[in-house]
Protein backbone atom coordinates (compact mmCIF):
# COMPACT_ATOMS: atom_id res chain seq x y z
CA MET A 1 -61.04 42.31 8.72
CA SER A 2 -62.77 38.74 9.20
CA PRO A 3 -60.51 35.41 8.59
CA LEU A 4 -62.46 35.12 5.37
CA ALA A 5 -61.40 38.60 4.18
CA TRP A 6 -57.81 37.62 5.01
CA ILE A 7 -57.93 34.32 3.14
CA ALA A 8 -59.48 36.02 0.23
CA PHE A 9 -56.72 38.96 0.07
CA ALA A 10 -54.08 36.05 0.18
CA SER A 11 -55.53 34.60 -2.77
CA LEU A 12 -55.74 38.03 -4.55
CA ALA A 13 -52.06 38.59 -3.69
CA VAL A 14 -51.16 35.04 -5.18
CA TRP A 15 -53.11 36.00 -8.31
CA GLY A 16 -51.35 39.51 -8.81
CA TRP A 17 -48.01 37.51 -8.64
CA LEU A 18 -49.09 35.03 -11.12
CA LEU A 19 -50.39 37.52 -13.43
CA LEU A 20 -47.23 39.38 -13.53
CA GLY A 21 -44.44 37.31 -11.99
CA GLN A 22 -44.91 33.66 -13.65
CA GLY A 23 -43.39 34.16 -16.99
CA PHE A 24 -46.65 35.48 -18.41
CA PHE A 25 -47.60 31.95 -18.56
CA TRP A 26 -51.20 32.77 -19.64
CA ARG A 27 -50.00 34.22 -23.07
CA THR A 28 -50.27 31.91 -26.03
CA ASP A 29 -47.92 33.47 -28.46
CA GLN A 30 -44.91 31.12 -27.83
CA ARG A 31 -45.01 29.65 -31.31
CA LEU A 32 -42.49 27.71 -33.60
CA PRO A 33 -39.87 30.04 -34.21
CA ARG A 34 -39.52 31.19 -37.95
CA PRO A 35 -36.81 30.01 -40.07
CA VAL A 36 -33.68 32.01 -40.18
CA GLY A 37 -31.70 31.08 -43.26
CA GLY A 38 -31.12 27.58 -43.66
CA PRO A 39 -28.71 24.61 -44.04
CA GLU A 40 -27.57 24.34 -47.78
CA ARG A 41 -28.33 20.60 -47.38
CA PRO A 42 -31.44 19.45 -45.52
CA PRO A 43 -30.42 17.16 -42.70
CA ARG A 44 -31.18 13.31 -42.52
CA VAL A 45 -34.23 12.82 -40.23
CA VAL A 46 -35.68 9.63 -38.78
CA VAL A 47 -39.16 9.68 -37.29
CA VAL A 48 -39.60 7.37 -34.31
CA VAL A 49 -43.31 6.39 -33.32
CA PRO A 50 -43.92 4.38 -30.24
CA ALA A 51 -47.01 2.65 -30.68
CA ARG A 52 -49.16 0.48 -28.39
CA ASP A 53 -52.88 -0.67 -29.08
CA GLU A 54 -53.09 2.36 -31.60
CA ALA A 55 -55.40 1.01 -34.11
CA GLU A 56 -58.15 3.33 -33.47
CA VAL A 57 -56.04 6.63 -34.13
CA LEU A 58 -53.30 5.17 -36.56
CA PRO A 59 -55.27 5.61 -39.90
CA VAL A 60 -55.51 9.36 -39.16
CA SER A 61 -52.08 10.06 -37.82
CA LEU A 62 -49.34 7.73 -39.48
CA PRO A 63 -50.57 8.89 -43.23
CA SER A 64 -49.94 12.44 -42.21
CA LEU A 65 -46.22 11.76 -41.06
CA LEU A 66 -45.75 9.50 -44.48
CA ALA A 67 -47.00 12.59 -46.25
CA GLN A 68 -44.39 14.98 -45.16
CA ASP A 69 -43.18 17.27 -47.90
CA TYR A 70 -39.41 17.36 -46.37
CA PRO A 71 -37.16 18.23 -48.97
CA GLY A 72 -34.24 16.11 -47.43
CA PRO A 73 -34.00 12.24 -46.60
CA ALA A 74 -36.49 11.27 -43.88
CA GLU A 75 -37.88 7.80 -42.95
CA VAL A 76 -40.42 6.62 -40.42
CA ILE A 77 -39.76 3.91 -37.62
CA LEU A 78 -43.00 2.77 -35.82
CA VAL A 79 -42.07 0.87 -32.60
CA ASP A 80 -45.02 -1.64 -31.94
CA ASP A 81 -44.91 -2.06 -28.22
CA GLY A 82 -46.76 -5.17 -27.76
CA SER A 83 -49.95 -4.28 -29.11
CA THR A 84 -52.69 -6.68 -29.21
CA ASP A 85 -54.91 -4.85 -31.75
CA GLY A 86 -52.97 -5.36 -34.78
CA THR A 87 -51.22 -2.09 -34.69
CA GLY A 88 -48.04 -3.33 -36.34
CA ARG A 89 -49.98 -4.82 -39.34
CA LEU A 90 -52.29 -1.83 -39.81
CA ALA A 91 -49.10 0.47 -40.01
CA GLU A 92 -47.79 -1.56 -42.65
CA GLU A 93 -51.25 -1.85 -44.70
CA LEU A 94 -51.47 2.01 -44.43
CA ALA A 95 -47.58 2.42 -45.72
CA ARG A 96 -48.55 0.34 -48.82
CA ARG A 97 -51.88 2.19 -49.11
CA HIS A 98 -50.69 5.88 -48.99
CA GLY A 99 -46.93 5.74 -49.83
CA GLY A 100 -44.68 8.68 -49.16
CA LEU A 101 -41.75 8.11 -46.76
CA ALA A 102 -40.37 4.84 -45.94
CA LEU A 103 -41.74 2.73 -43.32
CA THR A 104 -40.22 0.35 -40.77
CA VAL A 105 -42.16 -1.58 -38.13
CA VAL A 106 -40.27 -3.18 -35.30
CA SER A 107 -41.46 -4.79 -32.11
CA PRO A 108 -38.97 -4.80 -29.28
CA GLY A 109 -40.84 -7.33 -26.98
CA GLU A 110 -41.87 -6.55 -23.08
CA PRO A 111 -39.59 -3.81 -21.20
CA GLU A 112 -37.06 -5.14 -18.97
CA ALA A 113 -37.03 -4.34 -15.33
CA GLY A 114 -36.35 -0.84 -14.69
CA TRP A 115 -37.72 0.74 -18.02
CA THR A 116 -41.33 1.99 -18.69
CA GLY A 117 -42.98 0.95 -21.79
CA LYS A 118 -42.68 4.26 -23.91
CA LEU A 119 -39.20 4.62 -23.25
CA TRP A 120 -38.41 0.95 -23.78
CA ALA A 121 -40.06 1.48 -27.41
CA LEU A 122 -38.10 4.68 -27.84
CA ARG A 123 -34.95 2.90 -26.90
CA HIS A 124 -35.23 0.25 -29.56
CA GLY A 125 -36.52 2.68 -32.25
CA MET A 126 -33.59 5.21 -31.56
CA ALA A 127 -31.23 2.55 -31.80
CA LEU A 128 -32.23 1.26 -35.32
CA ALA A 129 -32.60 4.88 -36.21
CA ARG A 130 -28.76 5.73 -35.38
CA THR A 131 -27.69 3.02 -37.93
CA ARG A 132 -29.15 5.55 -40.52
CA SER A 133 -26.90 8.28 -39.18
CA PRO A 134 -29.64 10.96 -38.68
CA GLU A 135 -28.82 14.36 -37.90
CA PHE A 136 -32.15 14.77 -36.10
CA LEU A 137 -34.66 12.20 -34.67
CA LEU A 138 -38.54 13.20 -34.54
CA LEU A 139 -40.08 11.70 -31.59
CA THR A 140 -43.64 11.64 -31.88
CA ASP A 141 -46.56 9.66 -30.34
CA ALA A 142 -49.01 7.44 -32.40
CA ASP A 143 -51.95 9.89 -31.79
CA ILE A 144 -50.49 13.03 -33.41
CA ALA A 145 -51.14 14.15 -36.77
CA HIS A 146 -48.82 16.40 -38.39
CA GLU A 147 -49.69 18.92 -41.35
CA PRO A 148 -47.37 18.31 -44.78
CA ASP A 149 -44.88 21.06 -43.59
CA SER A 150 -44.50 20.12 -40.11
CA LEU A 151 -41.14 18.19 -40.14
CA ARG A 152 -39.73 20.83 -42.55
CA LEU A 153 -40.74 23.65 -40.14
CA LEU A 154 -39.55 21.89 -37.15
CA VAL A 155 -35.84 21.26 -38.65
CA ALA A 156 -35.79 24.86 -39.99
CA ALA A 157 -36.34 26.12 -36.74
CA ALA A 158 -33.76 23.83 -35.12
CA THR A 159 -31.18 24.59 -37.55
CA GLY A 160 -31.83 28.29 -37.88
CA HIS A 161 -31.76 29.14 -34.25
CA ARG A 162 -29.00 26.32 -33.19
CA LEU A 163 -31.62 24.56 -30.98
CA ASP A 164 -30.96 20.85 -29.72
CA LEU A 165 -34.53 20.12 -28.76
CA VAL A 166 -37.42 21.66 -30.50
CA SER A 167 -40.69 20.67 -28.74
CA GLN A 168 -44.51 21.43 -29.66
CA MET A 169 -47.39 21.00 -27.34
CA ALA A 170 -49.84 19.52 -29.76
CA ARG A 171 -53.58 20.98 -30.01
CA LEU A 172 -55.25 18.24 -28.05
CA ARG A 173 -58.59 17.09 -29.34
CA VAL A 174 -61.83 19.28 -27.86
CA ALA A 175 -65.03 17.93 -29.15
CA SER A 176 -67.07 16.39 -26.04
CA GLY A 177 -68.39 18.40 -23.26
CA TRP A 178 -65.78 17.05 -20.75
CA GLU A 179 -63.19 17.68 -23.30
CA ARG A 180 -64.05 21.43 -23.53
CA LEU A 181 -64.18 21.72 -19.97
CA ILE A 182 -60.85 19.70 -18.90
CA VAL A 183 -58.58 19.73 -22.03
CA PRO A 184 -57.67 23.41 -22.43
CA ALA A 185 -57.36 23.81 -18.48
CA PHE A 186 -54.80 20.98 -18.77
CA VAL A 187 -52.45 22.89 -21.20
CA TYR A 188 -53.28 25.93 -19.02
CA PHE A 189 -52.23 24.30 -15.78
CA PHE A 190 -49.04 23.07 -17.49
CA CYS A 191 -48.15 26.36 -18.85
CA GLN A 192 -48.46 27.80 -15.51
CA LEU A 193 -46.25 25.12 -14.13
CA TYR A 194 -43.54 25.33 -16.84
CA PRO A 195 -43.82 28.90 -18.39
CA PHE A 196 -42.61 28.66 -21.86
CA ARG A 197 -40.80 31.93 -21.72
CA TRP A 198 -38.70 30.75 -18.83
CA ILE A 199 -37.95 27.59 -20.98
CA ASN A 200 -36.92 29.43 -23.97
CA ARG A 201 -34.79 32.07 -22.41
CA PRO A 202 -31.18 32.19 -23.27
CA ARG A 203 -30.50 31.62 -19.53
CA PRO A 204 -33.63 29.37 -18.97
CA ARG A 205 -35.36 29.24 -15.42
CA ALA A 206 -37.30 26.08 -16.35
CA THR A 207 -36.78 23.02 -18.36
CA ALA A 208 -39.78 20.99 -20.12
CA ALA A 209 -41.08 19.32 -23.49
CA ALA A 210 -44.08 18.01 -24.73
CA GLY A 211 -43.60 14.39 -25.50
CA GLY A 212 -46.20 14.18 -28.51
CA CYS A 213 -43.77 16.26 -30.83
CA VAL A 214 -40.07 16.52 -29.97
CA LEU A 215 -37.30 17.10 -32.48
CA LEU A 216 -34.12 16.23 -30.94
CA ARG A 217 -30.46 16.70 -32.28
CA ALA A 218 -29.05 13.12 -32.67
CA GLU A 219 -25.56 13.98 -31.21
CA THR A 220 -27.11 15.63 -28.34
CA ALA A 221 -29.08 12.76 -27.64
CA GLU A 222 -26.06 10.45 -27.84
CA ARG A 223 -24.37 13.02 -25.54
CA ALA A 224 -27.31 13.14 -22.94
CA ARG A 225 -27.52 9.09 -22.73
CA VAL A 226 -31.09 9.26 -23.96
CA PRO A 227 -33.30 7.23 -23.21
CA GLU A 228 -31.03 5.12 -20.89
CA ALA A 229 -30.48 8.15 -18.51
CA ILE A 230 -34.40 8.48 -17.92
CA ARG A 231 -35.44 4.95 -18.65
CA GLN A 232 -37.54 4.78 -15.47
CA ALA A 233 -39.56 8.40 -16.18
CA VAL A 234 -43.14 8.29 -16.10
CA ILE A 235 -43.16 11.96 -17.01
CA ASP A 236 -40.88 11.11 -19.96
CA ASP A 237 -41.04 14.71 -21.81
CA VAL A 238 -39.83 16.64 -18.80
CA SER A 239 -37.11 14.10 -18.04
CA LEU A 240 -35.98 14.24 -21.53
CA ALA A 241 -35.73 17.97 -21.81
CA ARG A 242 -33.82 18.01 -18.54
CA ALA A 243 -31.41 15.48 -19.55
CA VAL A 244 -30.52 17.57 -22.77
CA ARG A 245 -30.01 20.70 -20.96
CA ARG A 246 -27.85 19.06 -18.46
CA ALA A 247 -25.69 18.00 -21.73
CA GLY A 248 -25.37 21.40 -22.45
CA GLY A 249 -28.34 21.55 -25.13
CA ARG A 250 -30.68 24.33 -26.05
CA VAL A 251 -34.26 23.66 -25.46
CA TRP A 252 -37.34 25.24 -26.87
CA LEU A 253 -40.96 24.68 -26.21
CA GLY A 254 -44.14 26.10 -27.51
CA LEU A 255 -47.87 25.76 -28.75
CA ALA A 256 -48.55 24.03 -32.13
CA GLU A 257 -50.13 25.39 -35.07
CA ARG A 258 -49.58 22.42 -37.51
CA VAL A 259 -49.54 19.47 -35.01
CA ASP A 260 -52.77 17.84 -33.50
CA SER A 261 -53.61 14.97 -31.12
CA VAL A 262 -56.63 12.90 -32.55
CA ARG A 263 -56.83 10.85 -29.27
CA PRO A 264 -60.61 11.02 -28.27
CA TYR A 265 -61.06 11.51 -24.73
CA ARG A 266 -65.01 11.14 -24.89
CA ARG A 267 -65.68 10.28 -21.28
CA LEU A 268 -64.74 11.80 -18.02
CA GLY A 269 -63.10 8.45 -17.06
CA ASP A 270 -60.87 8.82 -20.03
CA LEU A 271 -59.57 12.33 -19.02
CA TRP A 272 -59.41 11.22 -15.36
CA ARG A 273 -56.74 8.49 -16.35
CA MET A 274 -54.87 10.69 -18.32
CA VAL A 275 -54.23 13.07 -15.57
CA SER A 276 -54.16 10.90 -12.52
CA ARG A 277 -51.57 8.48 -13.98
CA SER A 278 -48.59 10.83 -13.68
CA ALA A 279 -49.92 13.28 -11.47
CA TYR A 280 -48.55 12.09 -8.12
CA ALA A 281 -45.06 11.19 -10.14
CA GLN A 282 -45.00 15.07 -10.92
CA LEU A 283 -45.09 15.51 -7.01
CA ARG A 284 -42.07 12.96 -6.77
CA HIS A 285 -44.30 10.77 -4.61
CA SER A 286 -44.32 12.91 -1.85
CA PRO A 287 -47.17 13.42 0.87
CA LEU A 288 -46.01 16.68 1.80
CA LEU A 289 -45.82 17.97 -1.70
CA LEU A 290 -49.35 16.56 -2.18
CA LEU A 291 -50.77 18.19 0.79
CA GLY A 292 -49.09 21.49 -0.33
CA THR A 293 -50.61 21.17 -4.08
CA VAL A 294 -53.96 20.36 -2.17
CA ALA A 295 -53.65 23.63 -0.23
CA GLY A 296 -52.18 25.86 -3.14
CA LEU A 297 -55.01 24.63 -5.50
CA ALA A 298 -57.81 25.40 -2.99
CA LEU A 299 -56.38 28.86 -2.10
CA VAL A 300 -55.72 29.89 -5.80
CA TYR A 301 -58.92 28.36 -7.60
CA LEU A 302 -61.41 27.65 -4.98
CA VAL A 303 -61.11 30.49 -2.39
CA PRO A 304 -61.90 33.21 -4.87
CA PRO A 305 -65.48 32.22 -5.85
CA ALA A 306 -66.22 30.86 -2.25
CA ALA A 307 -65.03 34.08 -0.81
CA LEU A 308 -67.48 36.02 -3.17
CA VAL A 309 -70.47 33.92 -2.57
CA ALA A 310 -69.92 33.61 1.31
CA GLY A 311 -69.13 37.35 1.57
CA LEU A 312 -72.03 38.39 -0.32
CA ALA A 313 -74.18 36.13 1.95
CA ALA A 314 -72.64 36.97 5.23
CA GLY A 315 -72.30 41.11 4.42
CA ASP A 316 -68.44 40.77 4.31
CA GLY A 317 -67.93 43.24 1.55
CA SER A 318 -63.93 42.93 1.91
CA ALA A 319 -64.06 39.26 1.38
CA ALA A 320 -66.52 39.40 -1.48
CA TRP A 321 -64.67 42.36 -3.29
CA ALA A 322 -61.19 40.50 -2.97
CA GLY A 323 -62.75 36.96 -3.93
CA GLY A 324 -64.56 38.54 -6.82
CA LEU A 325 -61.36 40.65 -8.15
CA ALA A 326 -59.30 37.19 -7.78
CA TRP A 327 -62.02 35.18 -9.79
CA ALA A 328 -61.84 37.85 -12.26
CA VAL A 329 -58.06 37.85 -12.93
CA MET A 330 -58.03 33.84 -12.77
CA THR A 331 -61.01 34.08 -15.51
CA GLY A 332 -59.07 36.84 -17.69
CA THR A 333 -55.82 34.80 -17.56
CA TYR A 334 -57.69 31.72 -19.06
CA LEU A 335 -59.25 33.48 -21.82
CA PRO A 336 -56.16 33.42 -24.21
CA MET A 337 -55.98 29.47 -23.81
CA LEU A 338 -59.95 29.28 -24.69
CA ARG A 339 -59.13 31.39 -27.56
CA TYR A 340 -56.29 29.06 -28.70
CA TYR A 341 -58.77 26.14 -28.45
CA ARG A 342 -61.39 28.15 -30.27
CA GLN A 343 -63.70 27.53 -27.35
CA PRO A 344 -66.43 30.00 -26.21
CA PRO A 345 -65.18 32.58 -23.46
CA TRP A 346 -68.32 31.63 -20.89
CA LEU A 347 -66.06 28.44 -20.15
CA ALA A 348 -63.48 30.94 -18.45
CA PRO A 349 -65.62 31.43 -15.20
CA LEU A 350 -66.03 27.93 -14.86
CA LEU A 351 -62.28 27.24 -14.43
CA PRO A 352 -62.74 26.83 -10.43
CA PHE A 353 -64.87 23.81 -10.93
CA THR A 354 -62.08 22.18 -13.35
CA ALA A 355 -59.57 23.05 -10.83
CA LEU A 356 -61.52 20.86 -8.12
CA LEU A 357 -61.69 18.12 -10.50
CA TYR A 358 -58.01 18.24 -11.08
CA LEU A 359 -57.30 18.47 -7.11
CA VAL A 360 -59.46 15.11 -6.61
CA MET A 361 -57.60 13.57 -9.54
CA THR A 362 -54.24 14.36 -7.97
CA VAL A 363 -55.51 12.93 -4.83
CA ASP A 364 -56.52 9.83 -6.45
CA SER A 365 -53.26 9.44 -8.21
CA ALA A 366 -51.77 9.38 -5.15
CA VAL A 367 -54.14 6.94 -3.45
CA GLN A 368 -53.66 4.42 -6.34
CA HIS A 369 -49.91 4.91 -5.85
CA HIS A 370 -50.16 3.74 -2.32
CA ARG A 371 -52.42 0.77 -3.45
CA GLY A 372 -49.44 -0.20 -5.39
CA ARG A 373 -51.13 0.54 -8.85
CA GLY A 374 -49.01 3.18 -9.44
CA ALA A 375 -49.01 4.68 -12.86
CA ALA A 376 -51.40 2.53 -15.09
CA TRP A 377 -51.49 2.77 -18.64
CA LYS A 378 -52.56 0.39 -21.56
CA GLY A 379 -52.60 -2.77 -19.24
CA ARG A 380 -49.05 -1.89 -17.87
CA THR A 381 -48.68 -0.70 -14.18
CA TYR A 382 -45.70 1.02 -12.77
CA ALA A 383 -45.66 0.56 -9.06
CA ARG A 384 -42.93 2.79 -7.99
CA PRO A 385 -41.96 4.81 -11.03
CA GLU A 386 -39.57 7.71 -10.92
CA ALA A 387 -40.67 11.26 -11.44
CA ALA A 388 -38.47 13.66 -13.69
CA PRO A 389 -34.80 12.95 -12.17
CA ASP A 390 -32.73 15.97 -11.86
CA ARG A 391 -29.59 14.12 -11.58
């Protein structure tokens, strides 16, 4: 066989393993566990929302939190993290206009050295929440909208299944052309890296959470020293889940049906910044891991279509056959995610192009880091942030 054919068969072998040996990552049926019984007295919950310059999305997301039909005591704390667009004032105005759960707005000031901005905001919000003696904390981003029964179902899942952390990956907005091309793939790649079935097993093989929607048992958070133990983390959701797991807590992660992100990513540049700000942190700022990731993405996603086209052009039947079959397997595993996002199936064969974009975004993330710009988000730059520490 030709060298191209050998490379194509290597890619096909990897796809065979991914299809069957990576926790069936491509399936989308890991949804919130159904309630099993329930507590006689609904536990007290405090919702903590870190918010920095979120005036654009707050009119959609905050009223959905205030309108929760939770049967027990609950309230919302919004932490205005140095906003310059009137986020705090808007939140108070929305609470007066819509009513519902009680809202408290606090401003912690600029982060101390050694803290990333979101975790600094969470520190102050969680500290205030603890004065209310809640049994659970709902940590949710300012761009996340919840259906009225969202909190009730989250608490029922946690109490009924004795879970310490219940996290749902919010359904991200998919409206623009770039969102259709990139957003479902973003979740697909995340599931491939952290298979939900592995996370949710009694003896887990992976640990992660989705930071937009995390219900956390307050006692476990104290035991895990959250958020102090992860104060430098850029990928705070994975770090949070690992801290809870190290403290002996049970973690569950799945796809959301009642929780949606309303943040628009209208241009490619918006999506680019979302991915590149944390991609190199995920690789622990390691050039070797970066090289391995680039090589892996090329072998897994770029070789199949390249081998098919080059094999057909050169009359290399083995390369074309292996490349085409690997591309077909790749396309098939992507279809469930496209169905979850209600997108047309013809987008599935375009996954190699999207993977190429992610490859370039990851390289750009490393370049920005080595230029001293690190993870930049909403006017703040973390030159040398931590990734997701295992300690």
